[in-house]
Amino acid sequence: MLFLITSKISEENLKNAAEDLGGYIKFVVDVEKEILTAGGVRHVQGKELLLQNGSMQENLWGGGFDLETNEEFLVIEVERDSGIKGQIVAVKHKA
């Protein structure tokens, strides 16, 4: 289930967002508007929802969070001259 999040997400919606991928949540963040999407099977679903709500491509970052291991990562989408589709820039384990 895909959610557009403009404030703190509820525990119930967080669990619903994780259902698509068995405990793993894909997210896309608009770093300018400070909103995000969570859930869905592909990052492009969240990206399209944000673009439909006025976000600009250059402000969008994608990532994921595993509810079981508390591991998260952040991906910057780069689709310009370099031809790189995405690059993992950080992996963080929460205690």
Protein backbone atom coordinates (compact mmCIF):
# COMPACT_ATOMS: atom_id res chain seq x y z
CA MET A 1 0.00 0.00 0.00
CA LEU A 2 1.39 3.41 -1.00
CA PHE A 3 1.04 6.43 1.28
CA LEU A 4 1.75 10.13 0.74
CA ILE A 5 3.09 11.32 4.09
CA THR A 6 3.03 14.97 5.11
CA SER A 7 3.30 14.44 8.89
CA LYS A 8 4.30 11.65 11.26
CA ILE A 9 3.10 8.26 10.00
CA SER A 10 1.01 6.09 12.31
CA GLU A 11 2.27 2.68 13.40
CA GLU A 12 -0.66 1.06 11.57
CA ASN A 13 0.11 2.85 8.28
CA LEU A 14 3.80 2.00 8.66
CA LYS A 15 2.92 -1.69 8.91
CA ASN A 16 0.52 -1.37 5.95
CA ALA A 17 3.28 0.27 3.86
CA ALA A 18 5.53 -2.72 4.63
CA GLU A 19 3.00 -5.32 3.46
CA ASP A 20 3.88 -5.03 -0.24
CA LEU A 21 7.42 -6.31 0.30
CA GLY A 22 7.14 -8.47 3.42
CA GLY A 23 8.45 -6.04 6.03
CA TYR A 24 10.53 -3.83 3.76
CA ILE A 25 9.42 -0.30 2.90
CA LYS A 26 10.47 1.64 -0.19
CA PHE A 27 10.27 5.39 0.23
CA VAL A 28 10.80 8.49 -1.90
CA VAL A 29 11.50 11.82 -0.20
CA ASP A 30 10.98 15.33 -1.55
CA VAL A 31 13.82 17.06 0.29
CA GLU A 32 12.52 20.52 -0.62
CA LYS A 33 8.88 20.05 0.51
CA GLU A 34 9.84 17.67 3.37
CA ILE A 35 7.20 15.11 2.40
CA LEU A 36 7.53 11.51 1.30
CA THR A 37 5.82 8.43 0.00
CA ALA A 38 6.13 5.06 1.68
CA GLY A 39 5.15 1.65 0.38
CA GLY A 40 4.54 0.21 -3.04
CA VAL A 41 6.61 -2.30 -4.93
CA ARG A 42 8.75 0.12 -6.95
CA HIS A 43 10.26 3.52 -6.19
CA VAL A 44 8.71 4.87 -9.38
CA GLN A 45 5.24 4.56 -7.82
CA GLY A 46 6.18 6.96 -5.03
CA LYS A 47 8.05 9.22 -7.43
CA GLU A 48 5.00 9.51 -9.71
CA LEU A 49 2.72 10.31 -6.77
CA LEU A 50 5.05 13.07 -5.58
CA LEU A 51 5.38 14.50 -9.09
CA GLN A 52 1.57 14.53 -9.39
CA ASN A 53 1.49 16.55 -6.17
CA GLY A 54 3.84 19.25 -7.42
CA SER A 55 7.27 17.87 -6.52
CA MET A 56 10.22 18.39 -8.86
CA GLN A 57 12.39 15.45 -10.00
CA GLU A 58 15.65 17.05 -8.82
CA ASN A 59 14.33 17.16 -5.23
CA LEU A 60 13.47 13.44 -5.01
CA TRP A 61 15.60 10.84 -3.23
CA GLY A 62 14.64 7.20 -2.85
CA GLY A 63 15.50 4.68 -0.20
CA GLY A 64 14.31 1.77 1.86
CA PHE A 65 13.85 0.58 5.40
CA ASP A 66 13.69 -2.98 6.71
CA LEU A 67 11.36 -3.22 9.73
CA GLU A 68 12.94 -6.50 10.87
CA THR A 69 16.62 -5.50 10.84
CA ASN A 70 16.14 -1.72 11.21
CA GLU A 71 18.52 -1.29 8.27
CA GLU A 72 17.90 1.71 6.06
CA PHE A 73 19.57 3.01 2.96
CA LEU A 74 19.28 6.11 0.82
CA VAL A 75 19.58 6.19 -2.95
CA ILE A 76 20.08 9.33 -4.99
CA GLU A 77 18.57 8.88 -8.41
CA VAL A 78 20.97 10.10 -11.06
CA GLU A 79 19.69 9.87 -14.62
CA ARG A 80 21.68 12.59 -16.28
CA ASP A 81 24.88 12.54 -18.33
CA SER A 82 26.60 9.81 -16.31
CA GLY A 83 23.94 7.21 -17.17
CA ILE A 84 23.96 5.99 -13.56
CA LYS A 85 20.44 4.98 -12.53
CA GLY A 86 21.01 5.08 -8.78
CA GLN A 87 23.75 5.08 -6.20
CA ILE A 88 23.57 3.91 -2.59
CA VAL A 89 25.00 6.75 -0.53
CA ALA A 90 24.37 5.62 3.03
CA VAL A 91 23.47 2.48 4.98
CA LYS A 92 22.56 2.83 8.61
CA HIS A 93 21.70 0.28 11.27
CA LYS A 94 19.53 1.48 14.12
CA ALA A 95 19.95 0.04 17.59
